[in-house]
């Protein structure tokens, strides 16, 4: 995420809270109560975002983890392509449990 994206998201949340407050006041709720409810909605949204973030961290679904996994797979595929037929056959006999038991 770029810095401008983070600033835009922060500005959108700030303006969203203000719009929610103004909407509640226009709906007839007292100013102090409207502020409390607007803040409560923002806090619930923050807690929800934090929970989704922690869930992604716990499940290793972060961008870095995906990139690292893709890189490791690509490196292993490249090394496998570079093996000669004899080396590939030797590797298969080492890793094949039925082939090594014979």
PDB file of N, CA and C in Angstrom:
ATOM      1  N   UNK A   1       0.842  -1.166   0.000  1.00  0.00           N
ATOM      2  CA  UNK A   1       0.000   0.000   0.000  1.00  0.00           C
ATOM      3  C   UNK A   1       0.890   1.233   0.000  1.00  0.00           C
ATOM      4  N   UNK A   2       0.523   2.152  -0.847  1.00  0.00           N
ATOM      5  CA  UNK A   2       1.302   3.384  -0.926  1.00  0.00           C
ATOM      6  C   UNK A   2       0.863   4.361   0.167  1.00  0.00           C
ATOM      7  N   UNK A   3       1.715   5.350   0.416  1.00  0.00           N
ATOM      8  CA  UNK A   3       1.409   6.344   1.441  1.00  0.00           C
ATOM      9  C   UNK A   3       0.127   7.107   1.121  1.00  0.00           C
ATOM     10  N   UNK A   4      -0.065   7.433  -0.140  1.00  0.00           N
ATOM     11  CA  UNK A   4      -1.256   8.188  -0.528  1.00  0.00           C
ATOM     12  C   UNK A   4      -2.517   7.370  -0.280  1.00  0.00           C
ATOM     13  N   UNK A   5      -2.424   6.047  -0.451  1.00  0.00           N
ATOM     14  CA  UNK A   5      -3.570   5.183  -0.178  1.00  0.00           C
ATOM     15  C   UNK A   5      -3.907   5.198   1.311  1.00  0.00           C
ATOM     16  N   UNK A   6      -2.885   5.123   2.150  1.00  0.00           N
ATOM     17  CA  UNK A   6      -3.104   5.150   3.596  1.00  0.00           C
ATOM     18  C   UNK A   6      -3.714   6.486   4.019  1.00  0.00           C
ATOM     19  N   UNK A   7      -3.234   7.571   3.433  1.00  0.00           N
ATOM     20  CA  UNK A   7      -3.802   8.888   3.748  1.00  0.00           C
ATOM     21  C   UNK A   7      -5.250   8.977   3.288  1.00  0.00           C
ATOM     22  N   UNK A   8      -5.545   8.442   2.119  1.00  0.00           N
ATOM     23  CA  UNK A   8      -6.912   8.482   1.598  1.00  0.00           C
ATOM     24  C   UNK A   8      -7.853   7.662   2.483  1.00  0.00           C
ATOM     25  N   UNK A   9      -7.395   6.507   2.931  1.00  0.00           N
ATOM     26  CA  UNK A   9      -8.225   5.673   3.809  1.00  0.00           C
ATOM     27  C   UNK A   9      -8.469   6.396   5.139  1.00  0.00           C
ATOM     28  N   UNK A  10      -7.417   6.993   5.705  1.00  0.00           N
ATOM     29  CA  UNK A  10      -7.576   7.741   6.955  1.00  0.00           C
ATOM     30  C   UNK A  10      -8.538   8.907   6.799  1.00  0.00           C
ATOM     31  N   UNK A  11      -8.425   9.634   5.688  1.00  0.00           N
ATOM     32  CA  UNK A  11      -9.329  10.757   5.439  1.00  0.00           C
ATOM     33  C   UNK A  11     -10.758  10.261   5.257  1.00  0.00           C
ATOM     34  N   UNK A  12     -10.941   9.141   4.561  1.00  0.00           N
ATOM     35  CA  UNK A  12     -12.278   8.593   4.352  1.00  0.00           C
ATOM     36  C   UNK A  12     -12.918   8.166   5.673  1.00  0.00           C
ATOM     37  N   UNK A  13     -12.147   7.558   6.561  1.00  0.00           N
ATOM     38  CA  UNK A  13     -12.678   7.164   7.875  1.00  0.00           C
ATOM     39  C   UNK A  13     -13.039   8.408   8.682  1.00  0.00           C
ATOM     40  N   UNK A  14     -12.179   9.403   8.654  1.00  0.00           N
ATOM     41  CA  UNK A  14     -12.445  10.652   9.379  1.00  0.00           C
ATOM     42  C   UNK A  14     -13.715  11.318   8.868  1.00  0.00           C
ATOM     43  N   UNK A  15     -13.828  11.445   7.552  1.00  0.00           N
ATOM     44  CA  UNK A  15     -15.020  12.061   6.968  1.00  0.00           C
ATOM     45  C   UNK A  15     -16.253  11.192   7.186  1.00  0.00           C
ATOM     46  N   UNK A  16     -16.084   9.884   7.133  1.00  0.00           N
ATOM     47  CA  UNK A  16     -17.214   8.979   7.385  1.00  0.00           C
ATOM     48  C   UNK A  16     -17.768   9.163   8.783  1.00  0.00           C
ATOM     49  N   UNK A  17     -16.884   9.312   9.766  1.00  0.00           N
ATOM     50  CA  UNK A  17     -17.333   9.564  11.134  1.00  0.00           C
ATOM     51  C   UNK A  17     -18.083  10.887  11.251  1.00  0.00           C
ATOM     52  N   UNK A  18     -17.575  11.901  10.566  1.00  0.00           N
ATOM     53  CA  UNK A  18     -18.252  13.204  10.585  1.00  0.00           C
ATOM     54  C   UNK A  18     -19.606  13.148   9.903  1.00  0.00           C
ATOM     55  N   UNK A  19     -19.673  12.448   8.795  1.00  0.00           N
ATOM     56  CA  UNK A  19     -20.944  12.312   8.078  1.00  0.00           C
ATOM     57  C   UNK A  19     -21.946  11.512   8.915  1.00  0.00           C
ATOM     58  N   UNK A  20     -21.461  10.459   9.569  1.00  0.00           N
ATOM     59  CA  UNK A  20     -22.333   9.675  10.439  1.00  0.00           C
ATOM     60  C   UNK A  20     -22.867  10.535  11.581  1.00  0.00           C
ATOM     61  N   UNK A  21     -21.986  11.322  12.180  1.00  0.00           N
ATOM     62  CA  UNK A  21     -22.400  12.224  13.267  1.00  0.00           C
ATOM     63  C   UNK A  21     -23.454  13.211  12.766  1.00  0.00           C
ATOM     64  N   UNK A  22     -23.193  13.848  11.621  1.00  0.00           N
ATOM     65  CA  UNK A  22     -24.136  14.828  11.077  1.00  0.00           C
ATOM     66  C   UNK A  22     -25.465  14.165  10.728  1.00  0.00           C
ATOM     67  N   UNK A  23     -25.402  12.939  10.215  1.00  0.00           N
ATOM     68  CA  UNK A  23     -26.635  12.223   9.890  1.00  0.00           C
ATOM     69  C   UNK A  23     -27.444  11.911  11.133  1.00  0.00           C
ATOM     70  N   UNK A  24     -26.778  11.507  12.200  1.00  0.00           N
ATOM     71  CA  UNK A  24     -27.484  11.208  13.445  1.00  0.00           C
ATOM     72  C   UNK A  24     -28.096  12.467  14.050  1.00  0.00           C
ATOM     73  N   UNK A  25     -27.364  13.579  13.993  1.00  0.00           N
ATOM     74  CA  UNK A  25     -27.903  14.847  14.507  1.00  0.00           C
ATOM     75  C   UNK A  25     -29.097  15.273  13.656  1.00  0.00           C
ATOM     76  N   UNK A  26     -28.989  15.132  12.338  1.00  0.00           N
ATOM     77  CA  UNK A  26     -30.094  15.498  11.449  1.00  0.00           C
ATOM     78  C   UNK A  26     -31.295  14.580  11.669  1.00  0.00           C
ATOM     79  N   UNK A  27     -31.044  13.362  12.088  1.00  0.00           N
ATOM     80  CA  UNK A  27     -32.113  12.401  12.353  1.00  0.00           C
ATOM     81  C   UNK A  27     -32.840  12.732  13.650  1.00  0.00           C
ATOM     82  N   UNK A  28     -32.243  13.597  14.468  1.00  0.00           N
ATOM     83  CA  UNK A  28     -32.919  14.041  15.685  1.00  0.00           C
ATOM     84  C   UNK A  28     -32.261  13.580  16.969  1.00  0.00           C
ATOM     85  N   UNK A  29     -31.110  12.960  16.886  1.00  0.00           N
ATOM     86  CA  UNK A  29     -30.424  12.512  18.097  1.00  0.00           C
ATOM     87  C   UNK A  29     -29.607  13.676  18.648  1.00  0.00           C
ATOM     88  N   UNK A  30     -29.598  13.812  19.947  1.00  0.00           N
ATOM     89  CA  UNK A  30     -28.861  14.869  20.627  1.00  0.00           C
ATOM     90  C   UNK A  30     -27.371  14.799  20.255  1.00  0.00           C
ATOM     91  N   UNK A  31     -26.686  15.932  20.221  1.00  0.00           N
ATOM     92  CA  UNK A  31     -25.305  16.012  19.765  1.00  0.00           C
ATOM     93  C   UNK A  31     -24.343  15.095  20.499  1.00  0.00           C
ATOM     94  N   UNK A  32     -24.443  15.071  21.823  1.00  0.00           N
ATOM     95  CA  UNK A  32     -23.529  14.236  22.594  1.00  0.00           C
ATOM     96  C   UNK A  32     -23.795  12.757  22.339  1.00  0.00           C
ATOM     97  N   UNK A  33     -25.050  12.366  22.283  1.00  0.00           N
ATOM     98  CA  UNK A  33     -25.397  10.969  21.999  1.00  0.00           C
ATOM     99  C   UNK A  33     -24.982  10.582  20.582  1.00  0.00           C
ATOM    100  N   UNK A  34     -25.142  11.496  19.639  1.00  0.00           N
ATOM    101  CA  UNK A  34     -24.732  11.224  18.253  1.00  0.00           C
ATOM    102  C   UNK A  34     -23.224  11.011  18.189  1.00  0.00           C
ATOM    103  N   UNK A  35     -22.472  11.792  18.955  1.00  0.00           N
ATOM    104  CA  UNK A  35     -21.020  11.617  18.996  1.00  0.00           C
ATOM    105  C   UNK A  35     -20.625  10.269  19.561  1.00  0.00           C
ATOM    106  N   UNK A  36     -21.322   9.859  20.613  1.00  0.00           N
ATOM    107  CA  UNK A  36     -21.028   8.556  21.229  1.00  0.00           C
ATOM    108  C   UNK A  36     -21.327   7.435  20.245  1.00  0.00           C
ATOM    109  N   UNK A  37     -22.481   7.514  19.576  1.00  0.00           N
ATOM    110  CA  UNK A  37     -22.838   6.454  18.629  1.00  0.00           C
ATOM    111  C   UNK A  37     -21.899   6.430  17.416  1.00  0.00           C
ATOM    112  N   UNK A  38     -21.522   7.602  16.919  1.00  0.00           N
ATOM    113  CA  UNK A  38     -20.598   7.658  15.784  1.00  0.00           C
ATOM    114  C   UNK A  38     -19.248   7.058  16.182  1.00  0.00           C
ATOM    115  N   UNK A  39     -18.782   7.386  17.379  1.00  0.00           N
ATOM    116  CA  UNK A  39     -17.520   6.832  17.860  1.00  0.00           C
ATOM    117  C   UNK A  39     -17.630   5.324  18.060  1.00  0.00           C
ATOM    118  N   UNK A  40     -18.769   4.871  18.575  1.00  0.00           N
ATOM    119  CA  UNK A  40     -18.967   3.430  18.784  1.00  0.00           C
ATOM    120  C   UNK A  40     -18.917   2.676  17.460  1.00  0.00           C
ATOM    121  N   UNK A  41     -19.533   3.229  16.435  1.00  0.00           N
ATOM    122  CA  UNK A  41     -19.513   2.582  15.111  1.00  0.00           C
ATOM    123  C   UNK A  41     -18.084   2.510  14.587  1.00  0.00           C
ATOM    124  N   UNK A  42     -17.327   3.575  14.749  1.00  0.00           N
ATOM    125  CA  UNK A  42     -15.943   3.577  14.284  1.00  0.00           C
ATOM    126  C   UNK A  42     -15.086   2.587  15.071  1.00  0.00           C
ATOM    127  N   UNK A  43     -15.302   2.489  16.374  1.00  0.00           N
ATOM    128  CA  UNK A  43     -14.533   1.545  17.194  1.00  0.00           C
ATOM    129  C   UNK A  43     -14.876   0.106  16.804  1.00  0.00           C
ATOM    130  N   UNK A  44     -16.156  -0.178  16.589  1.00  0.00           N
ATOM    131  CA  UNK A  44     -16.545  -1.529  16.153  1.00  0.00           C
ATOM    132  C   UNK A  44     -15.912  -1.850  14.803  1.00  0.00           C
ATOM    133  N   UNK A  45     -15.887  -0.889  13.901  1.00  0.00           N
ATOM    134  CA  UNK A  45     -15.236  -1.095  12.605  1.00  0.00           C
ATOM    135  C   UNK A  45     -13.745  -1.361  12.764  1.00  0.00           C
ATOM    136  N   UNK A  46     -13.087  -0.632  13.652  1.00  0.00           N
ATOM    137  CA  UNK A  46     -11.664  -0.825  13.906  1.00  0.00           C
ATOM    138  C   UNK A  46     -11.391  -2.202  14.495  1.00  0.00           C
ATOM    139  N   UNK A  47     -12.209  -2.620  15.450  1.00  0.00           N
ATOM    140  CA  UNK A  47     -12.035  -3.938  16.062  1.00  0.00           C
ATOM    141  C   UNK A  47     -12.266  -5.038  15.022  1.00  0.00           C
ATOM    142  N   UNK A  48     -13.255  -4.860  14.146  1.00  0.00           N
ATOM    143  CA  UNK A  48     -13.500  -5.828  13.078  1.00  0.00           C
ATOM    144  C   UNK A  48     -12.326  -5.932  12.126  1.00  0.00           C
ATOM    145  N   UNK A  49     -11.758  -4.776  11.731  1.00  0.00           N
ATOM    146  CA  UNK A  49     -10.598  -4.790  10.839  1.00  0.00           C
ATOM    147  C   UNK A  49      -9.417  -5.467  11.526  1.00  0.00           C
ATOM    148  N   UNK A  50      -9.202  -5.170  12.803  1.00  0.00           N
ATOM    149  CA  UNK A  50      -8.101  -5.771  13.544  1.00  0.00           C
ATOM    150  C   UNK A  50      -8.278  -7.288  13.643  1.00  0.00           C
ATOM    151  N   UNK A  51      -9.504  -7.739  13.880  1.00  0.00           N
ATOM    152  CA  UNK A  51      -9.766  -9.181  13.957  1.00  0.00           C
ATOM    153  C   UNK A  51      -9.486  -9.856  12.624  1.00  0.00           C
ATOM    154  N   UNK A  52      -9.883  -9.227  11.520  1.00  0.00           N
ATOM    155  CA  UNK A  52      -9.619  -9.824  10.206  1.00  0.00           C
ATOM    156  C   UNK A  52      -8.111  -9.860   9.925  1.00  0.00           C
ATOM    157  N   UNK A  53      -7.384  -8.833  10.355  1.00  0.00           N
ATOM    158  CA  UNK A  53      -5.938  -8.797  10.168  1.00  0.00           C
ATOM    159  C   UNK A  53      -5.265  -9.915  10.963  1.00  0.00           C
ATOM    160  N   UNK A  54      -5.656 -10.061  12.224  1.00  0.00           N
ATOM    161  CA  UNK A  54      -5.058 -11.107  13.059  1.00  0.00           C
ATOM    162  C   UNK A  54      -5.396 -12.498  12.531  1.00  0.00           C
ATOM    163  N   UNK A  55      -6.571 -12.661  11.959  1.00  0.00           N
ATOM    164  CA  UNK A  55      -6.946 -13.935  11.361  1.00  0.00           C
ATOM    165  C   UNK A  55      -6.064 -14.247  10.152  1.00  0.00           C
ATOM    166  N   UNK A  56      -5.803 -13.230   9.326  1.00  0.00           N
ATOM    167  CA  UNK A  56      -4.908 -13.440   8.182  1.00  0.00           C
ATOM    168  C   UNK A  56      -3.493 -13.762   8.631  1.00  0.00           C
ATOM    169  N   UNK A  57      -3.036 -13.125   9.698  1.00  0.00           N
ATOM    170  CA  UNK A  57      -1.700 -13.414  10.228  1.00  0.00           C
ATOM    171  C   UNK A  57      -1.637 -14.844  10.743  1.00  0.00           C
ATOM    172  N   UNK A  58      -2.655 -15.256  11.476  1.00  0.00           N
ATOM    173  CA  UNK A  58      -2.669 -16.602  12.055  1.00  0.00           C
ATOM    174  C   UNK A  58      -2.733 -17.681  10.977  1.00  0.00           C
ATOM    175  N   UNK A  59      -3.423 -17.401   9.880  1.00  0.00           N
ATOM    176  CA  UNK A  59      -3.565 -18.378   8.794  1.00  0.00           C
ATOM    177  C   UNK A  59      -2.477 -18.256   7.734  1.00  0.00           C
ATOM    178  N   UNK A  60      -1.511 -17.375   7.936  1.00  0.00           N
ATOM    179  CA  UNK A  60      -0.413 -17.144   6.990  1.00  0.00           C
ATOM    180  C   UNK A  60      -0.936 -16.776   5.603  1.00  0.00           C
ATOM    181  N   UNK A  61      -1.928 -15.911   5.558  1.00  0.00           N
ATOM    182  CA  UNK A  61      -2.494 -15.449   4.296  1.00  0.00           C
ATOM    183  C   UNK A  61      -2.040 -14.021   3.973  1.00  0.00           C
ATOM    184  N   UNK A  62      -0.919 -13.624   4.527  1.00  0.00           N
ATOM    185  CA  UNK A  62      -0.395 -12.290   4.277  1.00  0.00           C
ATOM    186  C   UNK A  62       0.296 -12.259   2.915  1.00  0.00           C
ATOM    187  N   UNK A  63       0.422 -11.093   2.338  1.00  0.00           N
ATOM    188  CA  UNK A  63       1.047 -10.937   1.032  1.00  0.00           C
ATOM    189  C   UNK A  63       2.474 -11.462   1.047  1.00  0.00           C
ATOM    190  N   UNK A  64       3.228 -11.150   2.094  1.00  0.00           N
ATOM    191  CA  UNK A  64       4.620 -11.597   2.177  1.00  0.00           C
ATOM    192  C   UNK A  64       4.705 -13.109   2.157  1.00  0.00           C
ATOM    193  N   UNK A  65       3.850 -13.781   2.913  1.00  0.00           N
ATOM    194  CA  UNK A  65       3.879 -15.242   2.955  1.00  0.00           C
ATOM    195  C   UNK A  65       3.557 -15.840   1.595  1.00  0.00           C
ATOM    196  N   UNK A  66       2.590 -15.258   0.891  1.00  0.00           N
ATOM    197  CA  UNK A  66       2.228 -15.757  -0.438  1.00  0.00           C
ATOM    198  C   UNK A  66       3.391 -15.560  -1.415  1.00  0.00           C
ATOM    199  N   UNK A  67       4.031 -14.399  -1.364  1.00  0.00           N
ATOM    200  CA  UNK A  67       5.162 -14.129  -2.249  1.00  0.00           C
ATOM    201  C   UNK A  67       6.322 -15.075  -1.953  1.00  0.00           C
ATOM    202  N   UNK A  68       6.601 -15.327  -0.694  1.00  0.00           N
ATOM    203  CA  UNK A  68       7.683 -16.223  -0.315  1.00  0.00           C
ATOM    204  C   UNK A  68       7.396 -17.641  -0.784  1.00  0.00           C
ATOM    205  N   UNK A  69       6.166 -18.083  -0.630  1.00  0.00           N
ATOM    206  CA  UNK A  69       5.786 -19.423  -1.075  1.00  0.00           C
ATOM    207  C   UNK A  69       5.900 -19.551  -2.599  1.00  0.00           C
ATOM    208  N   UNK A  70       5.449 -18.527  -3.330  1.00  0.00           N
ATOM    209  CA  UNK A  70       5.560 -18.541  -4.793  1.00  0.00           C
ATOM    210  C   UNK A  70       7.018 -18.572  -5.235  1.00  0.00           C
ATOM    211  N   UNK A  71       7.860 -17.811  -4.546  1.00  0.00           N
ATOM    212  CA  UNK A  71       9.285 -17.769  -4.883  1.00  0.00           C
ATOM    213  C   UNK A  71       9.938 -19.126  -4.638  1.00  0.00           C
ATOM    214  N   UNK A  72       9.664 -19.731  -3.495  1.00  0.00           N
ATOM    215  CA  UNK A  72      10.254 -21.035  -3.189  1.00  0.00           C
ATOM    216  C   UNK A  72       9.812 -22.093  -4.198  1.00  0.00           C
ATOM    217  N   UNK A  73       8.553 -22.057  -4.587  1.00  0.00           N
ATOM    218  CA  UNK A  73       8.049 -23.002  -5.592  1.00  0.00           C
ATOM    219  C   UNK A  73       8.751 -22.785  -6.924  1.00  0.00           C
ATOM    220  N   UNK A  74       8.923 -21.541  -7.326  1.00  0.00           N
ATOM    221  CA  UNK A  74       9.581 -21.242  -8.599  1.00  0.00           C
ATOM    222  C   UNK A  74      11.038 -21.706  -8.579  1.00  0.00           C
ATOM    223  N   UNK A  75      11.734 -21.507  -7.453  1.00  0.00           N
ATOM    224  CA  UNK A  75      13.133 -21.934  -7.351  1.00  0.00           C
ATOM    225  C   UNK A  75      13.232 -23.450  -7.444  1.00  0.00           C
ATOM    226  N   UNK A  76      12.351 -24.159  -6.742  1.00  0.00           N
ATOM    227  CA  UNK A  76      12.380 -25.628  -6.800  1.00  0.00           C
ATOM    228  C   UNK A  76      12.048 -26.145  -8.193  1.00  0.00           C
ATOM    229  N   UNK A  77      11.097 -25.522  -8.872  1.00  0.00           N
ATOM    230  CA  UNK A  77      10.767 -25.938 -10.239  1.00  0.00           C
ATOM    231  C   UNK A  77      11.953 -25.705 -11.176  1.00  0.00           C
ATOM    232  N   UNK A  78      12.639 -24.579 -11.016  1.00  0.00           N
ATOM    233  CA  UNK A  78      13.804 -24.276 -11.870  1.00  0.00           C
ATOM    234  C   UNK A  78      14.915 -25.296 -11.620  1.00  0.00           C
ATOM    235  N   UNK A  79      15.164 -25.631 -10.359  1.00  0.00           N
ATOM    236  CA  UNK A  79      16.200 -26.626 -10.052  1.00  0.00           C
ATOM    237  C   UNK A  79      15.820 -27.995 -10.614  1.00  0.00           C
ATOM    238  N   UNK A  80      14.545 -28.337 -10.567  1.00  0.00           N
ATOM    239  CA  UNK A  80      14.085 -29.610 -11.105  1.00  0.00           C
ATOM    240  C   UNK A  80      14.267 -29.665 -12.620  1.00  0.00           C
ATOM    241  N   UNK A  81      14.017 -28.551 -13.301  1.00  0.00           N
ATOM    242  CA  UNK A  81      14.196 -28.488 -14.757  1.00  0.00           C
ATOM    243  C   UNK A  81      15.667 -28.630 -15.151  1.00  0.00           C
ATOM    244  N   UNK A  82      16.572 -28.159 -14.297  1.00  0.00           N
ATOM    245  CA  UNK A  82      17.997 -28.177 -14.617  1.00  0.00           C
ATOM    246  C   UNK A  82      18.645 -29.540 -14.373  1.00  0.00           C
ATOM    247  N   UNK A  83      17.951 -30.462 -13.707  1.00  0.00           N
ATOM    248  CA  UNK A  83      18.529 -31.776 -13.431  1.00  0.00           C
ATOM    249  C   UNK A  83      18.634 -32.604 -14.709  1.00  0.00           C
ATOM    250  N   UNK A  84      19.717 -33.353 -14.797  1.00  0.00           N
ATOM    251  CA  UNK A  84      19.863 -34.277 -15.924  1.00  0.00           C
ATOM    252  C   UNK A  84      18.942 -35.476 -15.692  1.00  0.00           C
ATOM    253  N   UNK A  85      18.657 -36.247 -16.740  1.00  0.00           N
ATOM    254  CA  UNK A  85      17.789 -37.416 -16.562  1.00  0.00           C
ATOM    255  C   UNK A  85      18.327 -38.408 -15.529  1.00  0.00           C
ATOM    256  N   UNK A  86      19.660 -38.559 -15.456  1.00  0.00           N
ATOM    257  CA  UNK A  86      20.242 -39.479 -14.476  1.00  0.00           C
ATOM    258  C   UNK A  86      20.026 -38.956 -13.047  1.00  0.00           C
ATOM    259  N   UNK A  87      20.256 -37.651 -12.853  1.00  0.00           N
ATOM    260  CA  UNK A  87      20.055 -37.062 -11.532  1.00  0.00           C
ATOM    261  C   UNK A  87      18.585 -37.119 -11.118  1.00  0.00           C
ATOM    262  N   UNK A  88      17.711 -36.911 -12.083  1.00  0.00           N
ATOM    263  CA  UNK A  88      16.280 -36.969 -11.804  1.00  0.00           C
ATOM    264  C   UNK A  88      15.861 -38.383 -11.400  1.00  0.00           C
ATOM    265  N   UNK A  89      16.396 -39.393 -12.110  1.00  0.00           N
ATOM    266  CA  UNK A  89      16.083 -40.784 -11.769  1.00  0.00           C
ATOM    267  C   UNK A  89      16.625 -41.128 -10.377  1.00  0.00           C
ATOM    268  N   UNK A  90      17.825 -40.658 -10.059  1.00  0.00           N
ATOM    269  CA  UNK A  90      18.401 -40.923  -8.740  1.00  0.00           C
ATOM    270  C   UNK A  90      17.575 -40.250  -7.644  1.00  0.00           C
ATOM    271  N   UNK A  91      17.126 -39.045  -7.910  1.00  0.00           N
ATOM    272  CA  UNK A  91      16.301 -38.329  -6.941  1.00  0.00           C
ATOM    273  C   UNK A  91      14.963 -39.044  -6.733  1.00  0.00           C
ATOM    274  N   UNK A  92      14.404 -39.553  -7.812  1.00  0.00           N
ATOM    275  CA  UNK A  92      13.131 -40.262  -7.696  1.00  0.00           C
ATOM    276  C   UNK A  92      13.288 -41.554  -6.904  1.00  0.00           C
ATOM    277  N   UNK A  93      14.385 -42.254  -7.089  1.00  0.00           N
ATOM    278  CA  UNK A  93      14.578 -43.489  -6.321  1.00  0.00           C
ATOM    279  C   UNK A  93      14.823 -43.179  -4.837  1.00  0.00           C
ATOM    280  N   UNK A  94      15.456 -42.039  -4.537  1.00  0.00           N
ATOM    281  CA  UNK A  94      15.669 -41.649  -3.142  1.00  0.00           C
ATOM    282  C   UNK A  94      14.365 -41.270  -2.444  1.00  0.00           C
ATOM    283  N   UNK A  95      13.505 -40.604  -3.177  1.00  0.00           N
ATOM    284  CA  UNK A  95      12.271 -40.088  -2.555  1.00  0.00           C
ATOM    285  C   UNK A  95      11.100 -41.048  -2.651  1.00  0.00           C
ATOM    286  N   UNK A  96      11.160 -42.042  -3.536  1.00  0.00           N
ATOM    287  CA  UNK A  96      10.079 -42.992  -3.694  1.00  0.00           C
ATOM    288  C   UNK A  96      10.204 -44.107  -2.655  1.00  0.00           C
ATOM    289  N   UNK A  97       9.268 -44.220  -1.723  1.00  0.00           N
ATOM    290  CA  UNK A  97       9.421 -45.238  -0.672  1.00  0.00           C
ATOM    291  C   UNK A  97       9.358 -46.663  -1.229  1.00  0.00           C
ATOM    292  N   UNK A  98       8.612 -46.918  -2.272  1.00  0.00           N
ATOM    293  CA  UNK A  98       8.518 -48.251  -2.860  1.00  0.00           C
ATOM    294  C   UNK A  98       9.788 -48.596  -3.643  1.00  0.00           C
ATOM    295  N   UNK A  99      10.374 -47.545  -4.265  1.00  0.00           N
ATOM    296  CA  UNK A  99      11.582 -47.799  -5.059  1.00  0.00           C
ATOM    297  C   UNK A  99      12.781 -48.086  -4.183  1.00  0.00           C
ATOM    298  N   UNK A 100      12.868 -47.485  -3.002  1.00  0.00           N
ATOM    299  CA  UNK A 100      14.035 -47.708  -2.122  1.00  0.00           C
ATOM    300  C   UNK A 100      13.899 -49.008  -1.343  1.00  0.00           C
ATOM    301  N   UNK A 101      12.679 -49.553  -1.242  1.00  0.00           N
ATOM    302  CA  UNK A 101      12.482 -50.806  -0.493  1.00  0.00           C
ATOM    303  C   UNK A 101      12.886 -52.022  -1.313  1.00  0.00           C
ATOM    304  N   UNK A 102      12.986 -51.872  -2.637  1.00  0.00           N
ATOM    305  CA  UNK A 102      13.304 -53.016  -3.512  1.00  0.00           C
ATOM    306  C   UNK A 102      14.758 -53.369  -3.463  1.00  0.00           C
TER     307      UNK A 102
END
